Protein backbone atom coordinates (compact mmCIF):
# COMPACT_ATOMS: atom_id res chain seq x y z
CA MET A 1 0.11 -1.27 12.82
CA ILE A 2 -2.73 -2.72 14.83
CA SER A 3 -2.27 -6.25 16.23
CA ILE A 4 -5.33 -8.44 16.69
CA LYS A 5 -5.71 -11.96 18.04
CA TYR A 6 -6.74 -14.38 15.32
CA ASP A 7 -9.80 -15.55 17.28
CA ASP A 8 -11.02 -11.95 17.69
CA PHE A 9 -10.54 -11.34 13.97
CA TYR A 10 -12.36 -14.53 13.06
CA LYS A 11 -15.31 -13.75 15.34
CA ASN A 12 -15.58 -10.09 14.21
CA TYR A 13 -14.53 -10.35 10.57
CA ASP A 14 -16.88 -7.64 9.24
CA LEU A 15 -15.76 -5.18 11.90
CA PHE A 16 -12.09 -5.61 10.98
CA VAL A 17 -12.83 -5.39 7.25
CA LYS A 18 -14.44 -2.01 7.97
CA LEU A 19 -11.41 -1.00 10.07
CA CYS A 20 -9.06 -1.84 7.18
CA GLU A 21 -11.22 0.14 4.75
CA MET A 22 -11.44 3.19 7.02
CA THR A 23 -7.79 3.38 8.03
CA ALA A 24 -6.17 2.01 4.83
CA GLU A 25 -3.61 0.51 7.23
CA PRO A 26 -2.57 -3.12 7.56
CA VAL A 27 -3.79 -5.22 10.50
CA LYS A 28 -1.44 -7.83 12.02
CA LEU A 29 -3.11 -11.08 13.06
CA VAL A 30 -1.57 -12.81 16.05
CA LYS A 31 -2.15 -16.52 16.58
CA GLU A 32 -0.91 -18.29 19.71
CA GLY A 33 1.18 -15.24 20.63
CA CYS A 34 3.05 -15.06 17.31
CA SER A 35 2.51 -12.81 14.31
CA ASP A 36 0.75 -14.90 11.70
CA LEU A 37 -0.63 -12.73 8.86
CA ILE A 38 -0.91 -9.14 7.74
CA VAL A 39 -4.33 -8.14 6.33
CA ILE A 40 -4.84 -5.02 4.22
CA ASP A 41 -7.76 -3.60 2.25
CA ALA A 42 -7.47 -4.32 -1.51
CA GLU A 43 -7.61 -0.64 -2.53
CA ALA A 44 -4.94 0.30 0.02
CA PHE A 45 -2.79 -2.58 -1.24
CA GLU A 46 -3.07 -1.37 -4.85
CA ARG A 47 -2.09 2.17 -3.82
CA ARG A 48 0.91 0.91 -1.82
CA LYS A 49 1.94 -1.27 -4.75
CA LYS A 50 1.90 1.73 -7.10
CA VAL A 51 4.00 3.75 -4.66
CA LEU A 52 6.51 0.89 -4.31
CA ASP A 53 6.67 0.48 -8.10
CA LEU A 54 7.40 4.20 -8.45
CA ARG A 55 10.11 4.04 -5.77
CA GLU A 56 11.71 1.09 -7.52
CA LYS A 57 11.80 2.97 -10.82
CA LEU A 58 13.22 6.06 -9.19
CA LEU A 59 15.90 4.04 -7.40
CA ARG A 60 17.07 2.72 -10.75
CA TYR A 61 17.83 6.29 -11.74
CA ASN A 62 21.55 6.98 -11.71
CA GLU A 63 22.35 10.53 -10.56
CA ASP A 64 25.01 10.89 -13.26
CA GLU A 65 22.58 10.21 -16.14
CA PRO A 66 19.52 12.13 -17.34
CA ILE A 67 16.18 10.70 -16.21
CA GLY A 68 15.12 9.73 -19.74
CA THR A 69 18.08 7.38 -20.31
CA LYS A 70 17.57 5.04 -17.37
CA GLY A 71 14.67 4.05 -15.09
CA ILE A 72 11.61 6.24 -15.61
CA SER A 73 10.92 9.10 -18.01
CA LEU A 74 9.56 12.44 -16.86
CA GLU A 75 6.29 11.67 -18.66
CA GLU A 76 5.94 8.33 -16.84
CA LEU A 77 6.72 10.04 -13.54
CA GLY A 78 4.02 12.64 -14.21
CA ARG A 79 1.47 9.94 -15.06
CA TYR A 80 2.35 7.97 -11.90
CA ILE A 81 1.99 11.03 -9.70
CA ASP A 82 -1.33 12.01 -11.34
CA GLU A 83 -2.60 8.46 -10.88
CA LEU A 84 -1.54 8.35 -7.23
CA GLU A 85 -3.17 11.70 -6.53
CA SER A 86 -6.45 10.65 -8.16
CA ASP A 87 -6.41 7.29 -6.32
CA SER A 88 -5.85 8.94 -2.93
CA GLY A 89 -9.34 10.45 -3.09
CA ASP A 90 -10.85 7.05 -3.86
CA ILE A 91 -9.32 5.36 -0.81
CA LYS A 92 -10.52 7.85 1.77
CA LYS A 93 -14.12 6.94 2.54
């Protein structure tokens, strides 16, 4: 993760917005020597959120039980994966 001084971010806002869009990675803002905020492009955030939601559903799955009885169904898993794959092309600019 890239760390940037708050003043540099403030003075060059458009440049760092472009950096977030291009890399799809978060940028850590540092103010007075301490980490202050993490900034991420909205599309990258939505993609990460979907991945985290999928992980959460998969973690609910108990190895002793079939997938359809707890957590996420195979159909839902397929839809999530299709959606993530289609979104990955949208994020890369």
